[in-house]
Amino acid sequence: MLRKDNLLDEEVASRQELDQLSTNEKLTKLEKSLDETYQRLTALTEKFNGVQKQFKQRITKAEKQLRNEHESLQDKLAAQRLSVPQQFVH
């Protein structure tokens, strides 16, 4: 009688169950995808931090070398000025 009046539709109930399972499966896949994305982001962040650290070390080393070269040139120029007789200096 309920089937006749369209109040009980087994097919609709079955579809809803399948939709629910499908939604759960989708949620599971989404969670897995989110976990994988988080892991990738973590790995990329770690790699970025490592590269950034190396870059900063290289910059610091280059700055130190330039500072040393600059000081060395200043010392050479000062020594040359001292060795030049005063009559040639303008």
PDB file of N, CA and C in Angstrom:
ATOM      1  N   MET A   1       0.793  -1.188   0.000  1.00  0.00           N
ATOM      2  CA  MET A   1       0.000   0.000   0.000  1.00  0.00           C
ATOM      3  C   MET A   1       0.851   1.275   0.000  1.00  0.00           C
ATOM      4  N   LEU A   2       1.926   1.313   0.803  1.00  0.00           N
ATOM      5  CA  LEU A   2       2.792   2.490   0.824  1.00  0.00           C
ATOM      6  C   LEU A   2       3.504   2.670  -0.514  1.00  0.00           C
ATOM      7  N   ARG A   3       3.830   1.558  -1.123  1.00  0.00           N
ATOM      8  CA  ARG A   3       4.471   1.653  -2.432  1.00  0.00           C
ATOM      9  C   ARG A   3       3.497   2.197  -3.456  1.00  0.00           C
ATOM     10  N   LYS A   4       2.293   1.819  -3.342  1.00  0.00           N
ATOM     11  CA  LYS A   4       1.274   2.277  -4.275  1.00  0.00           C
ATOM     12  C   LYS A   4       1.096   3.798  -4.188  1.00  0.00           C
ATOM     13  N   ASP A   5       1.131   4.308  -2.974  1.00  0.00           N
ATOM     14  CA  ASP A   5       0.918   5.744  -2.768  1.00  0.00           C
ATOM     15  C   ASP A   5       2.228   6.536  -2.926  1.00  0.00           C
ATOM     16  N   ASN A   6       3.262   5.849  -3.278  1.00  0.00           N
ATOM     17  CA  ASN A   6       4.565   6.471  -3.485  1.00  0.00           C
ATOM     18  C   ASN A   6       5.157   7.053  -2.194  1.00  0.00           C
ATOM     19  N   LEU A   7       4.716   6.544  -1.055  1.00  0.00           N
ATOM     20  CA  LEU A   7       5.249   7.003   0.223  1.00  0.00           C
ATOM     21  C   LEU A   7       6.499   6.223   0.613  1.00  0.00           C
ATOM     22  N   LEU A   8       6.648   5.059   0.120  1.00  0.00           N
ATOM     23  CA  LEU A   8       7.821   4.251   0.395  1.00  0.00           C
ATOM     24  C   LEU A   8       8.438   3.862  -0.935  1.00  0.00           C
ATOM     25  N   ASP A   9       9.512   4.480  -1.220  1.00  0.00           N
ATOM     26  CA  ASP A   9      10.182   4.185  -2.485  1.00  0.00           C
ATOM     27  C   ASP A   9      11.528   3.556  -2.156  1.00  0.00           C
ATOM     28  N   GLU A  10      11.588   2.261  -2.308  1.00  0.00           N
ATOM     29  CA  GLU A  10      12.824   1.547  -1.999  1.00  0.00           C
ATOM     30  C   GLU A  10      13.976   2.021  -2.880  1.00  0.00           C
ATOM     31  N   GLU A  11      13.652   2.359  -4.085  1.00  0.00           N
ATOM     32  CA  GLU A  11      14.685   2.829  -5.012  1.00  0.00           C
ATOM     33  C   GLU A  11      15.293   4.134  -4.514  1.00  0.00           C
ATOM     34  N   VAL A  12      14.462   5.047  -4.037  1.00  0.00           N
ATOM     35  CA  VAL A  12      14.958   6.323  -3.512  1.00  0.00           C
ATOM     36  C   VAL A  12      15.829   6.068  -2.287  1.00  0.00           C
ATOM     37  N   ALA A  13      15.393   5.189  -1.400  1.00  0.00           N
ATOM     38  CA  ALA A  13      16.167   4.853  -0.207  1.00  0.00           C
ATOM     39  C   ALA A  13      17.508   4.249  -0.602  1.00  0.00           C
ATOM     40  N   SER A  14      17.503   3.395  -1.579  1.00  0.00           N
ATOM     41  CA  SER A  14      18.732   2.770  -2.053  1.00  0.00           C
ATOM     42  C   SER A  14      19.687   3.814  -2.640  1.00  0.00           C
ATOM     43  N   ARG A  15      19.149   4.729  -3.432  1.00  0.00           N
ATOM     44  CA  ARG A  15      19.977   5.803  -4.012  1.00  0.00           C
ATOM     45  C   ARG A  15      20.575   6.688  -2.926  1.00  0.00           C
ATOM     46  N   GLN A  16      19.763   7.000  -1.905  1.00  0.00           N
ATOM     47  CA  GLN A  16      20.264   7.832  -0.818  1.00  0.00           C
ATOM     48  C   GLN A  16      21.408   7.139  -0.082  1.00  0.00           C
ATOM     49  N   GLU A  17      21.282   5.837   0.104  1.00  0.00           N
ATOM     50  CA  GLU A  17      22.340   5.071   0.742  1.00  0.00           C
ATOM     51  C   GLU A  17      23.610   5.103  -0.108  1.00  0.00           C
ATOM     52  N   LEU A  18      23.436   4.934  -1.411  1.00  0.00           N
ATOM     53  CA  LEU A  18      24.590   4.997  -2.313  1.00  0.00           C
ATOM     54  C   LEU A  18      25.197   6.393  -2.319  1.00  0.00           C
ATOM     55  N   ASP A  19      24.353   7.407  -2.308  1.00  0.00           N
ATOM     56  CA  ASP A  19      24.851   8.784  -2.251  1.00  0.00           C
ATOM     57  C   ASP A  19      25.634   9.014  -0.968  1.00  0.00           C
ATOM     58  N   GLN A  20      25.123   8.472   0.143  1.00  0.00           N
ATOM     59  CA  GLN A  20      25.810   8.617   1.422  1.00  0.00           C
ATOM     60  C   GLN A  20      27.166   7.934   1.375  1.00  0.00           C
ATOM     61  N   LEU A  21      27.205   6.714   0.836  1.00  0.00           N
ATOM     62  CA  LEU A  21      28.485   6.020   0.703  1.00  0.00           C
ATOM     63  C   LEU A  21      29.408   6.808  -0.207  1.00  0.00           C
ATOM     64  N   SER A  22      28.871   7.308  -1.249  1.00  0.00           N
ATOM     65  CA  SER A  22      29.667   8.094  -2.181  1.00  0.00           C
ATOM     66  C   SER A  22      30.217   9.343  -1.497  1.00  0.00           C
ATOM     67  N   THR A  23      29.391   9.970  -0.681  1.00  0.00           N
ATOM     68  CA  THR A  23      29.837  11.160   0.044  1.00  0.00           C
ATOM     69  C   THR A  23      30.943  10.789   1.018  1.00  0.00           C
ATOM     70  N   ASN A  24      30.789   9.677   1.706  1.00  0.00           N
ATOM     71  CA  ASN A  24      31.847   9.226   2.622  1.00  0.00           C
ATOM     72  C   ASN A  24      33.138   8.912   1.880  1.00  0.00           C
ATOM     73  N   GLU A  25      32.995   8.275   0.740  1.00  0.00           N
ATOM     74  CA  GLU A  25      34.181   7.987  -0.073  1.00  0.00           C
ATOM     75  C   GLU A  25      34.835   9.278  -0.531  1.00  0.00           C
ATOM     76  N   LYS A  26      34.013  10.236  -0.956  1.00  0.00           N
ATOM     77  CA  LYS A  26      34.549  11.527  -1.381  1.00  0.00           C
ATOM     78  C   LYS A  26      35.266  12.209  -0.226  1.00  0.00           C
ATOM     79  N   LEU A  27      34.698  12.149   0.948  1.00  0.00           N
ATOM     80  CA  LEU A  27      35.309  12.746   2.126  1.00  0.00           C
ATOM     81  C   LEU A  27      36.637  12.076   2.448  1.00  0.00           C
ATOM     82  N   THR A  28      36.671  10.765   2.333  1.00  0.00           N
ATOM     83  CA  THR A  28      37.909  10.023   2.580  1.00  0.00           C
ATOM     84  C   THR A  28      38.987  10.434   1.578  1.00  0.00           C
ATOM     85  N   LYS A  29      38.609  10.511   0.309  1.00  0.00           N
ATOM     86  CA  LYS A  29      39.564  10.936  -0.720  1.00  0.00           C
ATOM     87  C   LYS A  29      40.037  12.364  -0.480  1.00  0.00           C
ATOM     88  N   LEU A  30      39.118  13.226  -0.090  1.00  0.00           N
ATOM     89  CA  LEU A  30      39.463  14.623   0.188  1.00  0.00           C
ATOM     90  C   LEU A  30      40.432  14.717   1.363  1.00  0.00           C
ATOM     91  N   GLU A  31      40.180  13.936   2.420  1.00  0.00           N
ATOM     92  CA  GLU A  31      41.083  13.923   3.569  1.00  0.00           C
ATOM     93  C   GLU A  31      42.469  13.427   3.177  1.00  0.00           C
ATOM     94  N   LYS A  32      42.500  12.375   2.359  1.00  0.00           N
ATOM     95  CA  LYS A  32      43.778  11.828   1.899  1.00  0.00           C
ATOM     96  C   LYS A  32      44.519  12.872   1.058  1.00  0.00           C
ATOM     97  N   SER A  33      43.790  13.518   0.171  1.00  0.00           N
ATOM     98  CA  SER A  33      44.394  14.543  -0.672  1.00  0.00           C
ATOM     99  C   SER A  33      44.916  15.706   0.167  1.00  0.00           C
ATOM    100  N   LEU A  34      44.168  16.084   1.171  1.00  0.00           N
ATOM    101  CA  LEU A  34      44.591  17.167   2.059  1.00  0.00           C
ATOM    102  C   LEU A  34      45.853  16.788   2.819  1.00  0.00           C
ATOM    103  N   ASP A  35      45.917  15.552   3.310  1.00  0.00           N
ATOM    104  CA  ASP A  35      47.112  15.071   4.003  1.00  0.00           C
ATOM    105  C   ASP A  35      48.333  15.086   3.080  1.00  0.00           C
ATOM    106  N   GLU A  36      48.139  14.606   1.846  1.00  0.00           N
ATOM    107  CA  GLU A  36      49.251  14.591   0.888  1.00  0.00           C
ATOM    108  C   GLU A  36      49.705  16.006   0.559  1.00  0.00           C
ATOM    109  N   THR A  37      48.748  16.905   0.403  1.00  0.00           N
ATOM    110  CA  THR A  37      49.081  18.301   0.106  1.00  0.00           C
ATOM    111  C   THR A  37      49.846  18.920   1.265  1.00  0.00           C
ATOM    112  N   TYR A  38      49.414  18.634   2.479  1.00  0.00           N
ATOM    113  CA  TYR A  38      50.098  19.153   3.663  1.00  0.00           C
ATOM    114  C   TYR A  38      51.527  18.618   3.734  1.00  0.00           C
ATOM    115  N   GLN A  39      51.699  17.327   3.434  1.00  0.00           N
ATOM    116  CA  GLN A  39      53.040  16.740   3.442  1.00  0.00           C
ATOM    117  C   GLN A  39      53.934  17.385   2.393  1.00  0.00           C
ATOM    118  N   ARG A  40      53.381  17.615   1.218  1.00  0.00           N
ATOM    119  CA  ARG A  40      54.153  18.273   0.145  1.00  0.00           C
ATOM    120  C   ARG A  40      54.526  19.696   0.545  1.00  0.00           C
ATOM    121  N   LEU A  41      53.567  20.405   1.131  1.00  0.00           N
ATOM    122  CA  LEU A  41      53.827  21.781   1.567  1.00  0.00           C
ATOM    123  C   LEU A  41      54.910  21.806   2.635  1.00  0.00           C
ATOM    124  N   THR A  42      54.848  20.864   3.547  1.00  0.00           N
ATOM    125  CA  THR A  42      55.869  20.780   4.595  1.00  0.00           C
ATOM    126  C   THR A  42      57.249  20.523   3.983  1.00  0.00           C
ATOM    127  N   ALA A  43      57.311  19.594   3.042  1.00  0.00           N
ATOM    128  CA  ALA A  43      58.587  19.286   2.387  1.00  0.00           C
ATOM    129  C   ALA A  43      59.107  20.496   1.615  1.00  0.00           C
ATOM    130  N   LEU A  44      58.227  21.174   0.894  1.00  0.00           N
ATOM    131  CA  LEU A  44      58.643  22.369   0.145  1.00  0.00           C
ATOM    132  C   LEU A  44      59.103  23.479   1.075  1.00  0.00           C
ATOM    133  N   THR A  45      58.424  23.636   2.193  1.00  0.00           N
ATOM    134  CA  THR A  45      58.813  24.662   3.162  1.00  0.00           C
ATOM    135  C   THR A  45      60.192  24.358   3.731  1.00  0.00           C
ATOM    136  N   GLU A  46      60.435  23.097   4.066  1.00  0.00           N
ATOM    137  CA  GLU A  46      61.745  22.701   4.576  1.00  0.00           C
ATOM    138  C   GLU A  46      62.832  22.940   3.532  1.00  0.00           C
ATOM    139  N   LYS A  47      62.536  22.585   2.290  1.00  0.00           N
ATOM    140  CA  LYS A  47      63.515  22.791   1.212  1.00  0.00           C
ATOM    141  C   LYS A  47      63.775  24.286   1.016  1.00  0.00           C
ATOM    142  N   PHE A  48      62.703  25.083   1.022  1.00  0.00           N
ATOM    143  CA  PHE A  48      62.843  26.531   0.870  1.00  0.00           C
ATOM    144  C   PHE A  48      63.710  27.102   1.987  1.00  0.00           C
ATOM    145  N   ASN A  49      63.452  26.673   3.219  1.00  0.00           N
ATOM    146  CA  ASN A  49      64.229  27.185   4.352  1.00  0.00           C
ATOM    147  C   ASN A  49      65.699  26.814   4.222  1.00  0.00           C
ATOM    148  N   GLY A  50      65.977  25.594   3.736  1.00  0.00           N
ATOM    149  CA  GLY A  50      67.362  25.173   3.528  1.00  0.00           C
ATOM    150  C   GLY A  50      68.057  25.998   2.458  1.00  0.00           C
ATOM    151  N   VAL A  51      67.366  26.215   1.360  1.00  0.00           N
ATOM    152  CA  VAL A  51      67.938  27.015   0.265  1.00  0.00           C
ATOM    153  C   VAL A  51      68.141  28.460   0.721  1.00  0.00           C
ATOM    154  N   GLN A  52      67.182  28.986   1.456  1.00  0.00           N
ATOM    155  CA  GLN A  52      67.291  30.356   1.961  1.00  0.00           C
ATOM    156  C   GLN A  52      68.491  30.479   2.904  1.00  0.00           C
ATOM    157  N   LYS A  53      68.697  29.490   3.757  1.00  0.00           N
ATOM    158  CA  LYS A  53      69.838  29.507   4.682  1.00  0.00           C
ATOM    159  C   LYS A  53      71.154  29.500   3.905  1.00  0.00           C
ATOM    160  N   GLN A  54      71.240  28.636   2.890  1.00  0.00           N
ATOM    161  CA  GLN A  54      72.450  28.580   2.057  1.00  0.00           C
ATOM    162  C   GLN A  54      72.684  29.920   1.354  1.00  0.00           C
ATOM    163  N   PHE A  55      71.609  30.496   0.842  1.00  0.00           N
ATOM    164  CA  PHE A  55      71.706  31.779   0.141  1.00  0.00           C
ATOM    165  C   PHE A  55      72.224  32.863   1.077  1.00  0.00           C
ATOM    166  N   LYS A  56      71.700  32.911   2.284  1.00  0.00           N
ATOM    167  CA  LYS A  56      72.148  33.905   3.264  1.00  0.00           C
ATOM    168  C   LYS A  56      73.611  33.694   3.628  1.00  0.00           C
ATOM    169  N   GLN A  57      74.023  32.418   3.744  1.00  0.00           N
ATOM    170  CA  GLN A  57      75.426  32.117   4.045  1.00  0.00           C
ATOM    171  C   GLN A  57      76.336  32.590   2.913  1.00  0.00           C
ATOM    172  N   ARG A  58      75.901  32.369   1.686  1.00  0.00           N
ATOM    173  CA  ARG A  58      76.702  32.804   0.531  1.00  0.00           C
ATOM    174  C   ARG A  58      76.804  34.325   0.475  1.00  0.00           C
ATOM    175  N   ILE A  59      75.704  35.008   0.754  1.00  0.00           N
ATOM    176  CA  ILE A  59      75.719  36.476   0.760  1.00  0.00           C
ATOM    177  C   ILE A  59      76.659  36.982   1.844  1.00  0.00           C
ATOM    178  N   THR A  60      76.577  36.394   3.026  1.00  0.00           N
ATOM    179  CA  THR A  60      77.444  36.800   4.131  1.00  0.00           C
ATOM    180  C   THR A  60      78.908  36.584   3.768  1.00  0.00           C
ATOM    181  N   LYS A  61      79.199  35.441   3.153  1.00  0.00           N
ATOM    182  CA  LYS A  61      80.570  35.140   2.738  1.00  0.00           C
ATOM    183  C   LYS A  61      81.054  36.147   1.685  1.00  0.00           C
ATOM    184  N   ALA A  62      80.201  36.456   0.705  1.00  0.00           N
ATOM    185  CA  ALA A  62      80.567  37.420  -0.345  1.00  0.00           C
ATOM    186  C   ALA A  62      80.777  38.807   0.254  1.00  0.00           C
ATOM    187  N   GLU A  63      79.917  39.207   1.178  1.00  0.00           N
ATOM    188  CA  GLU A  63      80.079  40.511   1.826  1.00  0.00           C
ATOM    189  C   GLU A  63      81.393  40.580   2.594  1.00  0.00           C
ATOM    190  N   LYS A  64      81.725  39.492   3.280  1.00  0.00           N
ATOM    191  CA  LYS A  64      82.973  39.442   4.043  1.00  0.00           C
ATOM    192  C   LYS A  64      84.184  39.562   3.113  1.00  0.00           C
ATOM    193  N   GLN A  65      84.125  38.835   1.982  1.00  0.00           N
ATOM    194  CA  GLN A  65      85.220  38.898   1.017  1.00  0.00           C
ATOM    195  C   GLN A  65      85.358  40.302   0.442  1.00  0.00           C
ATOM    196  N   LEU A  66      84.230  40.916   0.099  1.00  0.00           N
ATOM    197  CA  LEU A  66      84.275  42.274  -0.437  1.00  0.00           C
ATOM    198  C   LEU A  66      84.823  43.254   0.596  1.00  0.00           C
ATOM    199  N   ARG A  67      84.408  43.097   1.838  1.00  0.00           N
ATOM    200  CA  ARG A  67      84.902  43.973   2.905  1.00  0.00           C
ATOM    201  C   ARG A  67      86.409  43.821   3.056  1.00  0.00           C
ATOM    202  N   ASN A  68      86.894  42.575   3.030  1.00  0.00           N
ATOM    203  CA  ASN A  68      88.333  42.315   3.148  1.00  0.00           C
ATOM    204  C   ASN A  68      89.090  42.903   1.961  1.00  0.00           C
ATOM    205  N   GLU A  69      88.556  42.731   0.745  1.00  0.00           N
ATOM    206  CA  GLU A  69      89.202  43.289  -0.443  1.00  0.00           C
ATOM    207  C   GLU A  69      89.220  44.811  -0.386  1.00  0.00           C
ATOM    208  N   HIS A  70      88.126  45.390   0.070  1.00  0.00           N
ATOM    209  CA  HIS A  70      88.041  46.850   0.180  1.00  0.00           C
ATOM    210  C   HIS A  70      89.079  47.370   1.180  1.00  0.00           C
ATOM    211  N   GLU A  71      89.182  46.710   2.322  1.00  0.00           N
ATOM    212  CA  GLU A  71      90.169  47.109   3.328  1.00  0.00           C
ATOM    213  C   GLU A  71      91.586  46.940   2.797  1.00  0.00           C
ATOM    214  N   SER A  72      91.814  45.862   2.058  1.00  0.00           N
ATOM    215  CA  SER A  72      93.134  45.614   1.489  1.00  0.00           C
ATOM    216  C   SER A  72      93.501  46.702   0.479  1.00  0.00           C
ATOM    217  N   LEU A  73      92.540  47.082  -0.360  1.00  0.00           N
ATOM    218  CA  LEU A  73      92.800  48.148  -1.329  1.00  0.00           C
ATOM    219  C   LEU A  73      93.042  49.483  -0.633  1.00  0.00           C
ATOM    220  N   GLN A  74      92.287  49.743   0.410  1.00  0.00           N
ATOM    221  CA  GLN A  74      92.500  50.985   1.156  1.00  0.00           C
ATOM    222  C   GLN A  74      93.889  51.006   1.785  1.00  0.00           C
ATOM    223  N   ASP A  75      94.328  49.889   2.314  1.00  0.00           N
ATOM    224  CA  ASP A  75      95.670  49.796   2.900  1.00  0.00           C
ATOM    225  C   ASP A  75      96.740  50.015   1.832  1.00  0.00           C
ATOM    226  N   LYS A  76      96.542  49.423   0.635  1.00  0.00           N
ATOM    227  CA  LYS A  76      97.511  49.604  -0.448  1.00  0.00           C
ATOM    228  C   LYS A  76      97.560  51.060  -0.886  1.00  0.00           C
ATOM    229  N   LEU A  77      96.386  51.689  -1.022  1.00  0.00           N
ATOM    230  CA  LEU A  77      96.346  53.094  -1.409  1.00  0.00           C
ATOM    231  C   LEU A  77      97.013  53.973  -0.366  1.00  0.00           C
ATOM    232  N   ALA A  78      96.777  53.692   0.887  1.00  0.00           N
ATOM    233  CA  ALA A  78      97.400  54.464   1.967  1.00  0.00           C
ATOM    234  C   ALA A  78      98.915  54.288   1.935  1.00  0.00           C
ATOM    235  N   ALA A  79      99.382  53.076   1.679  1.00  0.00           N
ATOM    236  CA  ALA A  79     100.822  52.807   1.602  1.00  0.00           C
ATOM    237  C   ALA A  79     101.430  53.521   0.401  1.00  0.00           C
ATOM    238  N   GLN A  80     100.709  53.551  -0.720  1.00  0.00           N
ATOM    239  CA  GLN A  80     101.218  54.246  -1.904  1.00  0.00           C
ATOM    240  C   GLN A  80     101.306  55.742  -1.654  1.00  0.00           C
ATOM    241  N   ARG A  81     100.333  56.302  -0.985  1.00  0.00           N
ATOM    242  CA  ARG A  81     100.344  57.738  -0.685  1.00  0.00           C
ATOM    243  C   ARG A  81     101.522  58.092   0.204  1.00  0.00           C
ATOM    244  N   LEU A  82     101.826  57.228   1.132  1.00  0.00           N
ATOM    245  CA  LEU A  82     102.959  57.474   2.024  1.00  0.00           C
ATOM    246  C   LEU A  82     104.279  57.386   1.286  1.00  0.00           C
ATOM    247  N   SER A  83     104.351  56.546   0.257  1.00  0.00           N
ATOM    248  CA  SER A  83     105.607  56.369  -0.464  1.00  0.00           C
ATOM    249  C   SER A  83     105.816  57.423  -1.542  1.00  0.00           C
ATOM    250  N   VAL A  84     104.767  58.181  -1.912  1.00  0.00           N
ATOM    251  CA  VAL A  84     104.890  59.224  -2.918  1.00  0.00           C
ATOM    252  C   VAL A  84     105.400  60.492  -2.229  1.00  0.00           C
ATOM    253  N   PRO A  85     106.473  61.099  -2.775  1.00  0.00           N
ATOM    254  CA  PRO A  85     106.995  62.343  -2.176  1.00  0.00           C
ATOM    255  C   PRO A  85     105.894  63.424  -2.182  1.00  0.00           C
ATOM    256  N   GLN A  86     105.944  64.271  -1.205  1.00  0.00           N
ATOM    257  CA  GLN A  86     104.944  65.306  -1.017  1.00  0.00           C
ATOM    258  C   GLN A  86     104.878  66.254  -2.219  1.00  0.00           C
ATOM    259  N   GLN A  87     105.947  66.496  -2.915  1.00  0.00           N
ATOM    260  CA  GLN A  87     105.944  67.436  -4.046  1.00  0.00           C
ATOM    261  C   GLN A  87     105.083  66.962  -5.213  1.00  0.00           C
ATOM    262  N   PHE A  88     104.807  65.630  -5.312  1.00  0.00           N
ATOM    263  CA  PHE A  88     103.997  65.116  -6.398  1.00  0.00           C
ATOM    264  C   PHE A  88     102.513  65.032  -6.054  1.00  0.00           C
ATOM    265  N   VAL A  89     102.153  65.262  -4.806  1.00  0.00           N
ATOM    266  CA  VAL A  89     100.770  65.179  -4.361  1.00  0.00           C
ATOM    267  C   VAL A  89     100.117  66.538  -4.546  1.00  0.00           C
ATOM    268  N   HIS A  90      98.971  66.610  -5.162  1.00  0.00           N
ATOM    269  CA  HIS A  90      98.270  67.883  -5.391  1.00  0.00           C
ATOM    270  C   HIS A  90      97.287  68.140  -4.315  1.00  0.00           C
TER     271      HIS A  90
END
